[in-house]
Amino acid sequence: MTSAPHTYQLVIRVARQVEVAVGRLGLCSFQKGTYVYTGSAKRNFEARIARHLRKEKTLRWHIDYLLAAPGVSVIDVLRSDVEECELNQGSTDEIAVPGFGASDCRHGCGSHLKWLPCLDQ
């Protein structure tokens, strides 16, 4: 028996290099390409995903700042019942910005946003 999904991955396309001020992380550079952001929600799961997909919102989380940048879009949403950090660590792709989306991570992920260079070659 599988549990309901509570972890999601946003597959994100950055159409051209952008520099974004990301909360306390400061100015971050994102090269053109494909990224995956791993997050979770124990309550209101689908509402959290819908919020990420909206263009108009208060910028609260690191991912909000990136998604608000021009030329950045979510191209797919993957749902999972695997724990957030386990799912994130299952990817050996490159850390895009150290600490991104991982301010409360206690599992040593380093970042919950990864660049997928294999998709951009």
Protein backbone atom coordinates (compact mmCIF):
# COMPACT_ATOMS: atom_id res chain seq x y z
CA MET A 1 0.00 0.00 0.00
CA THR A 2 1.42 3.38 -0.98
CA SER A 3 0.73 6.58 0.88
CA ALA A 4 -0.61 9.75 -0.69
CA PRO A 5 2.01 11.95 -2.32
CA HIS A 6 3.48 14.64 -0.10
CA THR A 7 6.65 15.43 -2.03
CA TYR A 8 6.84 17.13 -5.39
CA GLN A 9 9.44 18.05 -7.93
CA LEU A 10 9.04 21.05 -10.20
CA VAL A 11 10.85 20.68 -13.50
CA ILE A 12 11.83 24.22 -14.42
CA ARG A 13 13.03 25.72 -17.69
CA VAL A 14 15.19 28.83 -17.61
CA ALA A 15 15.03 30.24 -21.15
CA ARG A 16 18.08 32.49 -20.79
CA GLN A 17 20.58 33.23 -18.06
CA VAL A 18 19.05 35.34 -15.29
CA GLU A 19 20.28 36.90 -12.09
CA VAL A 20 17.73 36.90 -9.29
CA ALA A 21 17.83 38.34 -5.78
CA VAL A 22 16.71 35.33 -3.73
CA GLY A 23 15.80 36.39 -0.19
CA ARG A 24 18.70 35.98 2.23
CA LEU A 25 20.74 34.07 -0.37
CA GLY A 26 21.30 37.35 -2.18
CA LEU A 27 21.95 37.69 -5.91
CA CYS A 28 22.00 34.27 -7.59
CA SER A 29 22.86 33.49 -11.20
CA PHE A 30 20.92 30.80 -13.09
CA GLN A 31 22.28 29.73 -16.43
CA LYS A 32 19.98 28.78 -19.26
CA GLY A 33 18.77 25.23 -18.84
CA THR A 34 16.60 22.75 -17.01
CA TYR A 35 16.38 22.50 -13.22
CA VAL A 36 14.50 20.40 -10.71
CA TYR A 37 13.28 21.74 -7.39
CA THR A 38 12.21 19.27 -4.68
CA GLY A 39 9.70 20.34 -2.04
CA SER A 40 7.02 18.89 0.20
CA ALA A 41 3.78 19.72 1.94
CA LYS A 42 2.21 17.62 4.67
CA ARG A 43 -1.06 19.58 4.36
CA ASN A 44 -2.72 21.27 1.39
CA PHE A 45 -0.41 19.46 -1.02
CA GLU A 46 -2.16 20.35 -4.28
CA ALA A 47 -2.70 23.94 -3.10
CA ARG A 48 1.07 24.27 -2.56
CA ILE A 49 1.75 23.09 -6.09
CA ALA A 50 -0.93 25.40 -7.50
CA ARG A 51 0.65 28.29 -5.62
CA HIS A 52 4.02 27.58 -7.20
CA LEU A 53 2.40 27.59 -10.64
CA ARG A 54 0.70 30.98 -10.17
CA LYS A 55 2.55 34.01 -11.47
CA GLU A 56 0.97 36.43 -8.99
CA LYS A 57 1.93 35.68 -5.38
CA THR A 58 3.83 37.04 -2.43
CA LEU A 59 7.47 35.99 -2.66
CA ARG A 60 7.99 33.83 0.43
CA TRP A 61 10.18 30.84 -0.41
CA HIS A 62 13.41 30.71 -2.44
CA ILE A 63 11.61 29.01 -5.32
CA ASP A 64 9.11 31.91 -5.54
CA TYR A 65 11.91 34.31 -6.47
CA LEU A 66 13.21 32.08 -9.26
CA LEU A 67 9.74 31.34 -10.67
CA ALA A 68 8.93 35.07 -10.77
CA ALA A 69 11.92 35.82 -13.00
CA PRO A 70 11.32 36.54 -16.70
CA GLY A 71 11.81 33.54 -18.96
CA VAL A 72 11.43 31.00 -16.14
CA SER A 73 8.61 28.44 -16.27
CA VAL A 74 7.54 25.15 -14.74
CA ILE A 75 7.36 22.56 -17.51
CA ASP A 76 6.34 19.55 -15.40
CA VAL A 77 5.30 18.59 -11.88
CA LEU A 78 6.18 15.18 -10.48
CA ARG A 79 4.47 13.87 -7.32
CA SER A 80 5.92 11.26 -4.96
CA ASP A 81 5.42 9.59 -1.61
CA VAL A 82 9.19 9.39 -1.08
CA GLU A 83 10.51 11.73 1.64
CA GLU A 84 11.73 15.10 0.36
CA CYS A 85 15.43 14.77 1.18
CA GLU A 86 15.61 11.15 0.05
CA LEU A 87 14.08 12.09 -3.31
CA ASN A 88 16.37 15.10 -3.64
CA GLN A 89 19.50 13.11 -2.75
CA GLY A 90 18.52 10.47 -5.32
CA SER A 91 19.54 12.95 -8.00
CA THR A 92 23.26 13.25 -8.68
CA ASP A 93 22.76 16.36 -10.79
CA GLU A 94 24.60 19.57 -10.00
CA ILE A 95 23.65 21.85 -7.12
CA ALA A 96 22.50 25.06 -8.77
CA VAL A 97 22.74 27.39 -5.75
CA PRO A 98 24.04 26.17 -2.37
CA GLY A 99 21.33 26.38 0.30
CA PHE A 100 18.49 27.02 -2.17
CA GLY A 101 15.25 25.66 -0.73
CA ALA A 102 17.18 23.90 2.00
CA SER A 103 17.28 26.40 4.88
CA ASP A 104 15.45 23.94 7.14
CA CYS A 105 17.09 20.78 5.73
CA ARG A 106 18.70 18.61 8.41
CA HIS A 107 19.86 15.84 6.07
CA GLY A 108 22.83 17.51 4.40
CA CYS A 109 21.25 18.03 0.98
CA GLY A 110 23.11 21.26 0.34
CA SER A 111 20.34 22.48 -1.97
CA HIS A 112 16.88 21.42 -3.09
CA LEU A 113 17.42 22.95 -6.55
CA LYS A 114 19.54 21.05 -9.03
CA TRP A 115 20.62 21.82 -12.56
CA LEU A 116 20.16 18.99 -15.07
CA PRO A 117 23.03 19.53 -17.53
CA CYS A 118 22.33 16.22 -19.28
CA LEU A 119 19.05 17.69 -20.61
CA ASP A 120 20.73 20.82 -21.96
CA GLN A 121 23.39 19.37 -24.22
